[in-house]
């Protein structure tokens, strides 16, 4: 007797997660090669995150954008990236049908956030303190993108989300999205400390000179 229940973990799941792990490895290696050995752990972590972020945006989300514009959809496409996204559509069906809200956000992500990640990485390597402004801009955009991806769905009762499979719920929907909330919030807090601290020191020096 055969079972019609969906598999919890498929070969595509394994390839997709292996790709994510490979990108994390590349990002970590990049930090070791390009940053000085005495770099602050915060800067090393930020470099790794932004490199990982850029790789995800350009490759995975870039492929989604290609498959979801000019009349194309993930569900009607073939190829390795199409299979990868078809796997994700099992958790969130909107990604298979070129949902206009999702595609609009991904245009900003691929064409805006990904290049900004690379720009900030360059600033980190040069130890340019101006990076903290752009980190806050990028993190705000990432948080807004996450909110607009899921809030409309929640307000309509989440008809496109499948939470019955633990892989879909805890890995695809929760983990793969929550990290784009927790880490940007931390980055904003860290950069706020740098900006506010610098302004307060400048203000203190100015007041001292006036006195």
N, C-alpha and C. Protein backbone atom coordinates (compact mmCIF):
# COMPACT_ATOMS: atom_id res chain seq x y z
N UNK A 1 0.86 -1.19 0.00
CA UNK A 1 0.00 0.00 0.00
C UNK A 1 0.89 1.24 0.00
N UNK A 2 0.68 2.14 -0.98
CA UNK A 2 1.50 3.33 -1.08
C UNK A 2 0.90 4.48 -0.31
N UNK A 3 1.76 5.38 0.16
CA UNK A 3 1.30 6.55 0.93
C UNK A 3 1.39 7.79 0.06
N UNK A 4 0.37 8.66 0.13
CA UNK A 4 0.35 9.91 -0.63
C UNK A 4 0.84 11.10 0.20
N UNK A 5 1.24 10.86 1.43
CA UNK A 5 1.70 11.96 2.28
C UNK A 5 3.04 12.48 1.76
N UNK A 6 3.23 13.82 1.75
CA UNK A 6 4.45 14.40 1.20
C UNK A 6 5.68 14.04 2.03
N UNK A 7 6.82 13.96 1.36
CA UNK A 7 8.06 13.71 2.07
C UNK A 7 8.43 14.91 2.94
N UNK A 8 8.99 14.64 4.11
CA UNK A 8 9.42 15.73 4.98
C UNK A 8 10.72 16.33 4.48
N UNK A 9 11.63 15.50 3.98
CA UNK A 9 12.94 15.98 3.53
C UNK A 9 13.25 15.32 2.19
N UNK A 10 13.49 16.14 1.16
CA UNK A 10 13.73 15.63 -0.18
C UNK A 10 15.17 15.93 -0.61
N UNK A 11 15.54 15.40 -1.77
CA UNK A 11 16.88 15.68 -2.31
C UNK A 11 17.04 17.16 -2.59
N UNK A 12 15.97 17.81 -3.07
CA UNK A 12 16.02 19.26 -3.32
C UNK A 12 16.23 20.02 -2.02
N UNK A 13 15.61 19.54 -0.94
CA UNK A 13 15.82 20.16 0.38
C UNK A 13 17.29 20.10 0.74
N UNK A 14 17.91 18.94 0.54
CA UNK A 14 19.32 18.76 0.88
C UNK A 14 20.20 19.67 0.04
N UNK A 15 19.96 19.73 -1.27
CA UNK A 15 20.77 20.57 -2.15
C UNK A 15 20.62 22.05 -1.78
N UNK A 16 19.41 22.45 -1.46
CA UNK A 16 19.15 23.85 -1.12
C UNK A 16 19.88 24.25 0.15
N UNK A 17 19.77 23.42 1.18
CA UNK A 17 20.42 23.72 2.45
C UNK A 17 21.94 23.64 2.32
N UNK A 18 22.42 22.72 1.47
CA UNK A 18 23.86 22.64 1.22
C UNK A 18 24.36 23.91 0.54
N UNK A 19 23.55 24.46 -0.37
CA UNK A 19 23.90 25.71 -1.01
C UNK A 19 24.00 26.86 -0.02
N UNK A 20 23.07 26.91 0.91
CA UNK A 20 23.10 27.94 1.95
C UNK A 20 24.36 27.79 2.81
N UNK A 21 24.68 26.55 3.17
CA UNK A 21 25.88 26.29 3.98
C UNK A 21 27.15 26.69 3.22
N UNK A 22 27.18 26.42 1.91
CA UNK A 22 28.35 26.77 1.10
C UNK A 22 28.54 28.29 1.06
N UNK A 23 27.44 29.02 0.96
CA UNK A 23 27.53 30.48 0.95
C UNK A 23 28.03 31.01 2.30
N UNK A 24 27.59 30.39 3.38
CA UNK A 24 28.08 30.79 4.70
C UNK A 24 29.58 30.53 4.82
N UNK A 25 30.04 29.43 4.24
CA UNK A 25 31.47 29.10 4.27
C UNK A 25 32.27 30.12 3.46
N UNK A 26 31.78 30.49 2.29
CA UNK A 26 32.46 31.48 1.45
C UNK A 26 32.53 32.82 2.18
N UNK A 27 31.44 33.22 2.81
CA UNK A 27 31.41 34.49 3.54
C UNK A 27 32.40 34.49 4.69
N UNK A 28 32.46 33.38 5.42
CA UNK A 28 33.40 33.28 6.55
C UNK A 28 34.84 33.30 6.07
N UNK A 29 35.11 32.60 4.99
CA UNK A 29 36.46 32.60 4.42
C UNK A 29 36.85 34.00 3.95
N UNK A 30 35.91 34.70 3.35
CA UNK A 30 36.17 36.07 2.89
C UNK A 30 36.57 36.98 4.03
N UNK A 31 35.91 36.84 5.17
CA UNK A 31 36.25 37.66 6.32
C UNK A 31 37.67 37.37 6.82
N UNK A 32 38.03 36.09 6.83
CA UNK A 32 39.37 35.71 7.28
C UNK A 32 40.47 36.24 6.36
N UNK A 33 40.15 36.29 5.07
CA UNK A 33 41.15 36.72 4.08
C UNK A 33 41.26 38.24 4.01
N UNK A 34 40.14 38.94 4.05
CA UNK A 34 40.13 40.37 3.77
C UNK A 34 40.22 41.28 5.00
N UNK A 35 39.90 40.75 6.18
CA UNK A 35 39.96 41.59 7.37
C UNK A 35 41.24 41.33 8.16
N UNK A 36 41.76 42.34 8.84
CA UNK A 36 42.97 42.13 9.66
C UNK A 36 42.67 41.19 10.82
N UNK A 37 43.70 40.55 11.32
CA UNK A 37 43.53 39.57 12.39
C UNK A 37 43.00 40.21 13.67
N UNK A 38 43.29 41.51 13.85
CA UNK A 38 42.85 42.19 15.07
C UNK A 38 41.51 42.91 14.89
N UNK A 39 40.77 42.57 13.84
CA UNK A 39 39.47 43.20 13.60
C UNK A 39 38.51 42.88 14.75
N UNK A 40 37.67 43.84 15.10
CA UNK A 40 36.65 43.62 16.13
C UNK A 40 35.75 42.46 15.70
N UNK A 41 35.32 41.67 16.68
CA UNK A 41 34.46 40.54 16.33
C UNK A 41 33.16 41.04 15.71
N UNK A 42 32.72 42.23 16.15
CA UNK A 42 31.50 42.79 15.57
C UNK A 42 31.66 43.07 14.08
N UNK A 43 32.85 43.59 13.70
CA UNK A 43 33.09 43.87 12.29
C UNK A 43 33.22 42.57 11.48
N UNK A 44 33.87 41.58 12.08
CA UNK A 44 33.99 40.29 11.39
C UNK A 44 32.62 39.66 11.18
N UNK A 45 31.79 39.70 12.20
CA UNK A 45 30.45 39.13 12.09
C UNK A 45 29.63 39.89 11.05
N UNK A 46 29.73 41.22 11.07
CA UNK A 46 28.99 42.03 10.10
C UNK A 46 29.43 41.72 8.68
N UNK A 47 30.74 41.58 8.47
CA UNK A 47 31.27 41.22 7.15
C UNK A 47 30.67 39.90 6.70
N UNK A 48 30.74 38.89 7.57
CA UNK A 48 30.24 37.56 7.21
C UNK A 48 28.76 37.61 6.87
N UNK A 49 27.99 38.32 7.68
CA UNK A 49 26.55 38.40 7.43
C UNK A 49 26.26 39.09 6.10
N UNK A 50 26.92 40.22 5.85
CA UNK A 50 26.66 40.97 4.63
C UNK A 50 27.09 40.20 3.39
N UNK A 51 28.21 39.47 3.49
CA UNK A 51 28.66 38.65 2.36
C UNK A 51 27.66 37.53 2.10
N UNK A 52 27.22 36.88 3.16
CA UNK A 52 26.21 35.83 3.04
C UNK A 52 24.91 36.40 2.48
N UNK A 53 24.52 37.55 3.00
CA UNK A 53 23.30 38.23 2.56
C UNK A 53 23.36 38.52 1.07
N UNK A 54 24.49 39.08 0.61
CA UNK A 54 24.64 39.42 -0.80
C UNK A 54 24.58 38.16 -1.68
N UNK A 55 25.23 37.10 -1.26
CA UNK A 55 25.23 35.86 -2.04
C UNK A 55 23.82 35.28 -2.17
N UNK A 56 23.08 35.31 -1.07
CA UNK A 56 21.70 34.81 -1.09
C UNK A 56 20.86 35.67 -2.03
N UNK A 57 20.98 36.98 -1.89
CA UNK A 57 20.17 37.89 -2.71
C UNK A 57 20.48 37.74 -4.20
N UNK A 58 21.77 37.74 -4.53
CA UNK A 58 22.15 37.67 -5.95
C UNK A 58 21.82 36.32 -6.59
N UNK A 59 22.08 35.23 -5.87
CA UNK A 59 21.92 33.90 -6.47
C UNK A 59 20.50 33.36 -6.32
N UNK A 60 20.10 33.07 -5.10
CA UNK A 60 18.79 32.47 -4.89
C UNK A 60 17.67 33.42 -5.28
N UNK A 61 17.69 34.62 -4.70
CA UNK A 61 16.58 35.55 -4.97
C UNK A 61 16.68 36.15 -6.37
N UNK A 62 17.91 36.28 -6.88
CA UNK A 62 18.06 36.73 -8.26
C UNK A 62 17.43 35.74 -9.23
N UNK A 63 17.61 34.46 -8.96
CA UNK A 63 17.01 33.43 -9.82
C UNK A 63 15.49 33.48 -9.72
N UNK A 64 14.98 33.71 -8.51
CA UNK A 64 13.52 33.83 -8.34
C UNK A 64 12.99 35.00 -9.17
N UNK A 65 13.69 36.12 -9.12
CA UNK A 65 13.25 37.30 -9.87
C UNK A 65 13.20 37.00 -11.37
N UNK A 66 14.22 36.32 -11.86
CA UNK A 66 14.24 35.95 -13.29
C UNK A 66 13.06 35.04 -13.63
N UNK A 67 12.78 34.09 -12.75
CA UNK A 67 11.73 33.11 -13.01
C UNK A 67 10.33 33.66 -12.80
N UNK A 68 10.24 34.90 -12.26
CA UNK A 68 8.93 35.43 -11.88
C UNK A 68 8.57 36.73 -12.58
N UNK A 69 9.30 37.09 -13.63
CA UNK A 69 9.01 38.33 -14.35
C UNK A 69 8.82 38.05 -15.85
N UNK A 70 8.24 39.04 -16.52
CA UNK A 70 8.01 38.96 -17.97
C UNK A 70 7.22 37.71 -18.36
N UNK A 71 6.18 37.43 -17.57
CA UNK A 71 5.27 36.34 -17.88
C UNK A 71 5.68 34.97 -17.36
N UNK A 72 6.88 34.90 -16.77
CA UNK A 72 7.33 33.61 -16.23
C UNK A 72 6.82 33.42 -14.80
N UNK A 73 6.72 32.17 -14.37
CA UNK A 73 6.44 31.84 -12.98
C UNK A 73 7.33 30.67 -12.58
N UNK A 74 7.56 30.54 -11.30
CA UNK A 74 8.34 29.41 -10.81
C UNK A 74 7.65 28.10 -11.15
N UNK A 75 6.35 28.05 -10.95
CA UNK A 75 5.61 26.80 -11.16
C UNK A 75 5.64 26.32 -12.61
N UNK A 76 5.83 27.23 -13.55
CA UNK A 76 5.84 26.84 -14.96
C UNK A 76 7.25 26.73 -15.52
N UNK A 77 8.26 26.89 -14.66
CA UNK A 77 9.65 26.88 -15.11
C UNK A 77 10.32 25.55 -14.81
N UNK A 78 11.44 25.30 -15.47
CA UNK A 78 12.22 24.09 -15.24
C UNK A 78 13.68 24.47 -14.99
N UNK A 79 14.41 23.56 -14.38
CA UNK A 79 15.82 23.81 -14.10
C UNK A 79 16.11 23.73 -12.62
N UNK A 80 17.39 23.74 -12.24
CA UNK A 80 17.79 23.58 -10.84
C UNK A 80 17.20 24.65 -9.92
N UNK A 81 17.26 25.92 -10.33
CA UNK A 81 16.73 26.98 -9.48
C UNK A 81 15.21 26.94 -9.42
N UNK A 82 14.59 26.52 -10.50
CA UNK A 82 13.13 26.37 -10.48
C UNK A 82 12.73 25.29 -9.48
N UNK A 83 13.49 24.19 -9.45
CA UNK A 83 13.20 23.13 -8.50
C UNK A 83 13.42 23.59 -7.06
N UNK A 84 14.47 24.40 -6.88
CA UNK A 84 14.75 24.94 -5.55
C UNK A 84 13.57 25.77 -5.06
N UNK A 85 13.07 26.65 -5.93
CA UNK A 85 11.96 27.51 -5.52
C UNK A 85 10.64 26.75 -5.44
N UNK A 86 10.48 25.72 -6.25
CA UNK A 86 9.28 24.89 -6.12
C UNK A 86 9.25 24.21 -4.75
N UNK A 87 10.44 23.87 -4.26
CA UNK A 87 10.54 23.31 -2.91
C UNK A 87 10.04 24.32 -1.89
N UNK A 88 10.45 25.58 -2.04
CA UNK A 88 10.02 26.61 -1.08
C UNK A 88 8.53 26.91 -1.22
N UNK A 89 7.99 26.79 -2.44
CA UNK A 89 6.56 27.08 -2.62
C UNK A 89 5.68 26.08 -1.87
N UNK A 90 6.26 24.96 -1.49
CA UNK A 90 5.49 24.02 -0.68
C UNK A 90 5.18 24.62 0.70
N UNK A 91 6.04 25.54 1.13
CA UNK A 91 5.80 26.23 2.40
C UNK A 91 5.01 27.51 2.19
N UNK A 92 5.27 28.21 1.08
CA UNK A 92 4.61 29.48 0.81
C UNK A 92 4.27 29.52 -0.69
N UNK A 93 3.03 29.26 -1.01
CA UNK A 93 2.61 29.09 -2.40
C UNK A 93 2.74 30.37 -3.23
N UNK A 94 2.82 31.53 -2.60
CA UNK A 94 2.89 32.79 -3.35
C UNK A 94 4.13 32.86 -4.24
N UNK A 95 5.20 32.18 -3.81
CA UNK A 95 6.45 32.26 -4.56
C UNK A 95 6.40 31.46 -5.87
N UNK A 96 5.37 30.68 -6.06
CA UNK A 96 5.27 29.90 -7.28
C UNK A 96 4.45 30.57 -8.37
N UNK A 97 3.70 31.62 -8.01
CA UNK A 97 2.74 32.21 -8.95
C UNK A 97 3.03 33.68 -9.26
N UNK A 98 4.25 34.12 -8.99
CA UNK A 98 4.63 35.52 -9.26
C UNK A 98 3.70 36.50 -8.55
N UNK A 99 3.50 36.28 -7.26
CA UNK A 99 2.69 37.20 -6.45
C UNK A 99 3.28 38.61 -6.58
N UNK A 100 2.48 39.61 -6.96
CA UNK A 100 3.03 40.94 -7.23
C UNK A 100 3.71 41.60 -6.04
N UNK A 101 3.19 41.37 -4.83
CA UNK A 101 3.83 41.95 -3.66
C UNK A 101 5.20 41.34 -3.43
N UNK A 102 5.29 40.02 -3.52
CA UNK A 102 6.56 39.33 -3.32
C UNK A 102 7.57 39.74 -4.40
N UNK A 103 7.14 39.76 -5.65
CA UNK A 103 8.04 40.12 -6.74
C UNK A 103 8.52 41.56 -6.60
N UNK A 104 7.62 42.46 -6.21
CA UNK A 104 8.01 43.87 -6.02
C UNK A 104 9.08 44.01 -4.96
N UNK A 105 8.92 43.29 -3.86
CA UNK A 105 9.92 43.33 -2.79
C UNK A 105 11.24 42.72 -3.24
N UNK A 106 11.16 41.67 -4.03
CA UNK A 106 12.39 41.02 -4.50
C UNK A 106 13.15 41.88 -5.51
N UNK A 107 12.45 42.71 -6.26
CA UNK A 107 13.14 43.65 -7.15
C UNK A 107 14.01 44.59 -6.34
N UNK A 108 13.45 45.12 -5.25
CA UNK A 108 14.23 46.01 -4.37
C UNK A 108 15.37 45.25 -3.70
N UNK A 109 15.11 44.01 -3.33
CA UNK A 109 16.12 43.21 -2.63
C UNK A 109 17.31 42.91 -3.54
N UNK A 110 17.02 42.42 -4.74
CA UNK A 110 18.10 41.99 -5.64
C UNK A 110 18.84 43.18 -6.24
N UNK A 111 18.11 44.21 -6.63
CA UNK A 111 18.73 45.34 -7.31
C UNK A 111 19.18 46.45 -6.36
N UNK A 112 18.66 46.44 -5.12
CA UNK A 112 19.03 47.47 -4.17
C UNK A 112 19.83 46.95 -2.99
N UNK A 113 19.25 46.01 -2.24
CA UNK A 113 19.90 45.54 -1.01
C UNK A 113 21.19 44.78 -1.30
N UNK A 114 21.20 43.94 -2.31
CA UNK A 114 22.41 43.14 -2.60
C UNK A 114 23.61 44.01 -2.95
N UNK A 115 23.48 44.98 -3.88
CA UNK A 115 24.62 45.87 -4.14
C UNK A 115 25.02 46.68 -2.92
N UNK A 116 24.04 47.07 -2.10
CA UNK A 116 24.38 47.83 -0.90
C UNK A 116 25.21 46.99 0.07
N UNK A 117 24.90 45.69 0.16
CA UNK A 117 25.72 44.78 0.98
C UNK A 117 27.18 44.83 0.54
N UNK A 118 27.39 44.77 -0.77
CA UNK A 118 28.76 44.78 -1.31
C UNK A 118 29.45 46.10 -1.01
N UNK A 119 28.71 47.19 -1.11
CA UNK A 119 29.28 48.51 -0.82
C UNK A 119 29.71 48.61 0.63
N UNK A 120 28.88 48.11 1.54
CA UNK A 120 29.21 48.17 2.97
C UNK A 120 30.40 47.26 3.28
N UNK A 121 30.46 46.11 2.63
CA UNK A 121 31.61 45.22 2.81
C UNK A 121 32.90 45.95 2.44
N UNK A 122 32.87 46.68 1.33
CA UNK A 122 34.03 47.47 0.91
C UNK A 122 34.39 48.49 1.98
N UNK A 123 33.39 49.12 2.58
CA UNK A 123 33.65 50.09 3.64
C UNK A 123 34.24 49.43 4.88
N UNK A 124 33.79 48.22 5.20
CA UNK A 124 34.34 47.51 6.35
C UNK A 124 35.82 47.20 6.12
N UNK A 125 36.14 46.73 4.92
CA UNK A 125 37.54 46.41 4.59
C UNK A 125 38.41 47.65 4.70
N UNK A 126 37.87 48.81 4.30
CA UNK A 126 38.62 50.07 4.37
C UNK A 126 38.54 50.72 5.75
N UNK A 127 37.77 50.11 6.66
CA UNK A 127 37.55 50.65 8.00
C UNK A 127 36.97 52.06 7.94
N UNK A 128 36.02 52.25 7.03
CA UNK A 128 35.35 53.53 6.86
C UNK A 128 34.17 53.61 7.82
N UNK A 129 34.17 54.54 8.78
CA UNK A 129 33.07 54.60 9.75
C UNK A 129 31.73 54.99 9.13
N UNK A 130 31.76 55.53 7.92
CA UNK A 130 30.50 55.88 7.25
C UNK A 130 29.63 54.66 7.01
N UNK A 131 30.21 53.47 7.13
CA UNK A 131 29.44 52.24 6.92
C UNK A 131 28.26 52.13 7.87
N UNK A 132 28.39 52.73 9.05
CA UNK A 132 27.33 52.57 10.05
C UNK A 132 26.02 53.22 9.60
N UNK A 133 26.11 54.30 8.86
CA UNK A 133 24.88 54.90 8.30
C UNK A 133 24.23 53.94 7.32
N UNK A 134 25.01 53.38 6.41
CA UNK A 134 24.47 52.50 5.39
C UNK A 134 23.99 51.18 5.98
N UNK A 135 24.62 50.73 7.06
CA UNK A 135 24.15 49.53 7.74
C UNK A 135 22.74 49.74 8.27
N UNK A 136 22.49 50.93 8.84
CA UNK A 136 21.15 51.23 9.36
C UNK A 136 20.14 51.32 8.22
N UNK A 137 20.53 51.94 7.10
CA UNK A 137 19.64 52.02 5.94
C UNK A 137 19.29 50.62 5.44
N UNK A 138 20.32 49.78 5.27
CA UNK A 138 20.10 48.42 4.77
C UNK A 138 19.24 47.62 5.74
N UNK A 139 19.55 47.69 7.01
CA UNK A 139 18.81 46.90 8.01
C UNK A 139 17.35 47.32 8.07
N UNK A 140 17.09 48.61 7.97
CA UNK A 140 15.71 49.10 7.95
C UNK A 140 14.96 48.54 6.75
N UNK A 141 15.63 48.53 5.59
CA UNK A 141 15.01 47.99 4.38
C UNK A 141 14.73 46.50 4.52
N UNK A 142 15.68 45.76 5.12
CA UNK A 142 15.49 44.32 5.31
C UNK A 142 14.30 44.04 6.22
N UNK A 143 14.19 44.81 7.30
CA UNK A 143 13.08 44.62 8.24
C UNK A 143 11.74 44.96 7.58
N UNK A 144 11.73 46.04 6.82
CA UNK A 144 10.50 46.42 6.12
C UNK A 144 10.10 45.36 5.10
N UNK A 145 11.10 44.84 4.38
CA UNK A 145 10.82 43.80 3.40
C UNK A 145 10.22 42.56 4.03
N UNK A 146 10.77 42.15 5.18
CA UNK A 146 10.22 40.99 5.88
C UNK A 146 8.79 41.23 6.35
N UNK A 147 8.56 42.42 6.87
CA UNK A 147 7.21 42.76 7.35
C UNK A 147 6.19 42.73 6.20
N UNK A 148 6.55 43.35 5.08
CA UNK A 148 5.62 43.40 3.96
C UNK A 148 5.48 42.06 3.24
N UNK A 149 6.43 41.16 3.45
CA UNK A 149 6.29 39.82 2.88
C UNK A 149 5.22 39.03 3.61
N UNK A 150 5.19 39.16 4.93
CA UNK A 150 4.31 38.29 5.72
C UNK A 150 3.08 38.98 6.30
N UNK A 151 3.13 40.26 6.58
CA UNK A 151 1.97 40.91 7.20
C UNK A 151 0.70 40.81 6.34
N UNK A 152 0.75 41.10 5.03
CA UNK A 152 -0.48 40.95 4.24
C UNK A 152 -1.03 39.52 4.27
N UNK A 153 -0.12 38.54 4.32
CA UNK A 153 -0.54 37.15 4.38
C UNK A 153 -1.22 36.84 5.71
N UNK A 154 -0.64 37.33 6.81
CA UNK A 154 -1.25 37.10 8.12
C UNK A 154 -2.63 37.74 8.23
N UNK A 155 -2.75 38.95 7.67
CA UNK A 155 -4.02 39.68 7.77
C UNK A 155 -5.15 39.00 7.01
N UNK A 156 -4.79 38.15 6.05
CA UNK A 156 -5.81 37.43 5.28
C UNK A 156 -5.94 35.97 5.70
N UNK A 157 -5.36 35.63 6.86
CA UNK A 157 -5.51 34.28 7.39
C UNK A 157 -4.48 33.27 6.91
N UNK A 158 -3.40 33.74 6.31
CA UNK A 158 -2.30 32.89 5.84
C UNK A 158 -2.74 31.76 4.93
N UNK A 159 -3.53 32.04 3.89
CA UNK A 159 -4.01 30.97 3.01
C UNK A 159 -2.90 30.30 2.19
N UNK A 160 -1.78 31.00 1.99
CA UNK A 160 -0.72 30.45 1.13
C UNK A 160 0.34 29.68 1.90
N UNK A 161 0.30 29.73 3.23
CA UNK A 161 1.35 29.10 4.03
C UNK A 161 0.95 27.69 4.45
N UNK A 162 1.91 26.77 4.36
CA UNK A 162 1.71 25.39 4.80
C UNK A 162 2.62 25.13 5.99
N UNK A 163 2.04 25.03 7.17
CA UNK A 163 2.81 24.80 8.39
C UNK A 163 2.68 23.38 8.92
N UNK A 164 2.14 22.49 8.08
CA UNK A 164 1.91 21.13 8.54
C UNK A 164 3.20 20.30 8.58
N UNK A 165 4.18 20.68 7.76
CA UNK A 165 5.45 19.96 7.68
C UNK A 165 6.48 20.69 8.55
N UNK A 166 7.14 20.02 9.49
CA UNK A 166 8.10 20.70 10.37
C UNK A 166 9.25 21.36 9.62
N UNK A 167 9.68 20.78 8.49
CA UNK A 167 10.75 21.40 7.70
C UNK A 167 10.27 22.72 7.12
N UNK A 168 9.06 22.72 6.57
CA UNK A 168 8.52 23.93 5.99
C UNK A 168 8.34 25.01 7.06
N UNK A 169 7.79 24.62 8.20
CA UNK A 169 7.49 25.59 9.25
C UNK A 169 8.75 26.14 9.91
N UNK A 170 9.58 25.25 10.47
CA UNK A 170 10.68 25.70 11.33
C UNK A 170 11.95 26.08 10.57
N UNK A 171 12.16 25.50 9.40
CA UNK A 171 13.36 25.85 8.63
C UNK A 171 13.04 26.90 7.58
N UNK A 172 12.09 26.60 6.67
CA UNK A 172 11.80 27.51 5.57
C UNK A 172 11.11 28.79 6.03
N UNK A 173 10.05 28.67 6.82
CA UNK A 173 9.27 29.85 7.18
C UNK A 173 9.82 30.59 8.41
N UNK A 174 10.23 29.86 9.43
CA UNK A 174 10.68 30.52 10.66
C UNK A 174 12.16 30.88 10.58
N UNK A 175 13.03 29.88 10.54
CA UNK A 175 14.47 30.16 10.62
C UNK A 175 14.96 31.03 9.46
N UNK A 176 14.57 30.67 8.23
CA UNK A 176 15.07 31.39 7.05
C UNK A 176 14.55 32.81 6.95
N UNK A 177 13.58 33.16 7.77
CA UNK A 177 13.07 34.53 7.76
C UNK A 177 13.40 35.28 9.06
N UNK A 178 13.41 34.57 10.17
CA UNK A 178 13.69 35.23 11.45
C UNK A 178 15.12 35.76 11.50
N UNK A 179 16.08 35.06 10.86
CA UNK A 179 17.45 35.57 10.90
C UNK A 179 17.55 36.92 10.19
N UNK A 180 16.63 37.19 9.23
CA UNK A 180 16.61 38.51 8.58
C UNK A 180 15.84 39.53 9.41
N UNK A 181 15.48 39.17 10.62
CA UNK A 181 14.92 40.11 11.58
C UNK A 181 15.91 40.32 12.72
N UNK A 182 16.36 39.22 13.31
CA UNK A 182 17.24 39.30 14.48
C UNK A 182 18.56 39.98 14.15
N UNK A 183 19.20 39.57 13.07
CA UNK A 183 20.52 40.13 12.74
C UNK A 183 20.43 41.59 12.32
N UNK A 184 19.50 42.00 11.45
CA UNK A 184 19.39 43.43 11.16
C UNK A 184 19.11 44.29 12.39
N UNK A 185 18.30 43.80 13.32
CA UNK A 185 18.05 44.55 14.56
C UNK A 185 19.36 44.73 15.33
N UNK A 186 20.15 43.66 15.44
CA UNK A 186 21.44 43.76 16.14
C UNK A 186 22.37 44.72 15.41
N UNK A 187 22.43 44.65 14.09
CA UNK A 187 23.28 45.55 13.32
C UNK A 187 22.89 47.01 13.54
N UNK A 188 21.58 47.28 13.58
CA UNK A 188 21.12 48.65 13.83
C UNK A 188 21.54 49.12 15.22
N UNK A 189 21.42 48.24 16.19
CA UNK A 189 21.81 48.60 17.57
C UNK A 189 23.30 48.89 17.65
N UNK A 190 24.12 48.05 17.01
CA UNK A 190 25.57 48.25 17.03
C UNK A 190 25.96 49.55 16.33
N UNK A 191 25.38 49.79 15.15
CA UNK A 191 25.73 51.00 14.41
C UNK A 191 25.19 52.25 15.08
N UNK A 192 24.02 52.14 15.69
CA UNK A 192 23.49 53.27 16.45
C UNK A 192 24.47 53.67 17.56
N UNK A 193 25.03 52.67 18.24
CA UNK A 193 25.99 52.96 19.30
C UNK A 193 27.20 53.71 18.78
N UNK A 194 27.69 53.33 17.59
CA UNK A 194 28.84 54.03 17.01
C UNK A 194 28.49 55.46 16.62
N UNK A 195 27.35 55.64 15.96
CA UNK A 195 26.96 56.97 15.50
C UNK A 195 26.66 57.89 16.68
N UNK A 196 25.84 57.40 17.62
CA UNK A 196 25.47 58.22 18.77
C UNK A 196 26.69 58.54 19.62
N UNK A 197 27.58 57.55 19.83
CA UNK A 197 28.78 57.78 20.63
C UNK A 197 29.68 58.83 20.00
N UNK A 198 29.84 58.76 18.67
CA UNK A 198 30.68 59.73 17.97
C UNK A 198 30.09 61.13 18.07
N UNK A 199 28.78 61.26 17.89
CA UNK A 199 28.14 62.58 17.98
C UNK A 199 28.23 63.15 19.39
N UNK A 200 28.08 62.30 20.40
CA UNK A 200 28.17 62.78 21.79
C UNK A 200 29.57 63.24 22.13
N UNK A 201 30.57 62.51 21.62
CA UNK A 201 31.97 62.94 21.88
C UNK A 201 32.26 64.26 21.19
N UNK A 202 31.75 64.41 19.98
CA UNK A 202 31.94 65.68 19.26
C UNK A 202 31.26 66.82 19.98
N UNK A 203 30.05 66.54 20.48
CA UNK A 203 29.30 67.56 21.22
C UNK A 203 30.04 67.95 22.49
N UNK A 204 30.60 66.96 23.20
CA UNK A 204 31.34 67.24 24.44
C UNK A 204 32.57 68.09 24.17
N UNK A 205 33.29 67.79 23.08
CA UNK A 205 34.47 68.57 22.72
C UNK A 205 34.08 69.98 22.37
N UNK A 206 32.99 70.15 21.63
CA UNK A 206 32.53 71.48 21.25
C UNK A 206 32.16 72.31 22.47
N UNK A 207 31.48 71.67 23.42
CA UNK A 207 31.09 72.39 24.65
C UNK A 207 32.33 72.78 25.46
N UNK A 208 33.33 71.90 25.48
CA UNK A 208 34.55 72.19 26.23
C UNK A 208 35.26 73.39 25.63
N UNK A 209 35.33 73.45 24.30
CA UNK A 209 36.01 74.57 23.63
C UNK A 209 35.28 75.87 23.89
N UNK A 210 33.93 75.83 23.94
CA UNK A 210 33.16 77.04 24.18
C UNK A 210 33.39 77.57 25.60
N UNK A 211 33.61 76.63 26.52
CA UNK A 211 33.81 77.04 27.92
C UNK A 211 35.25 77.52 28.13
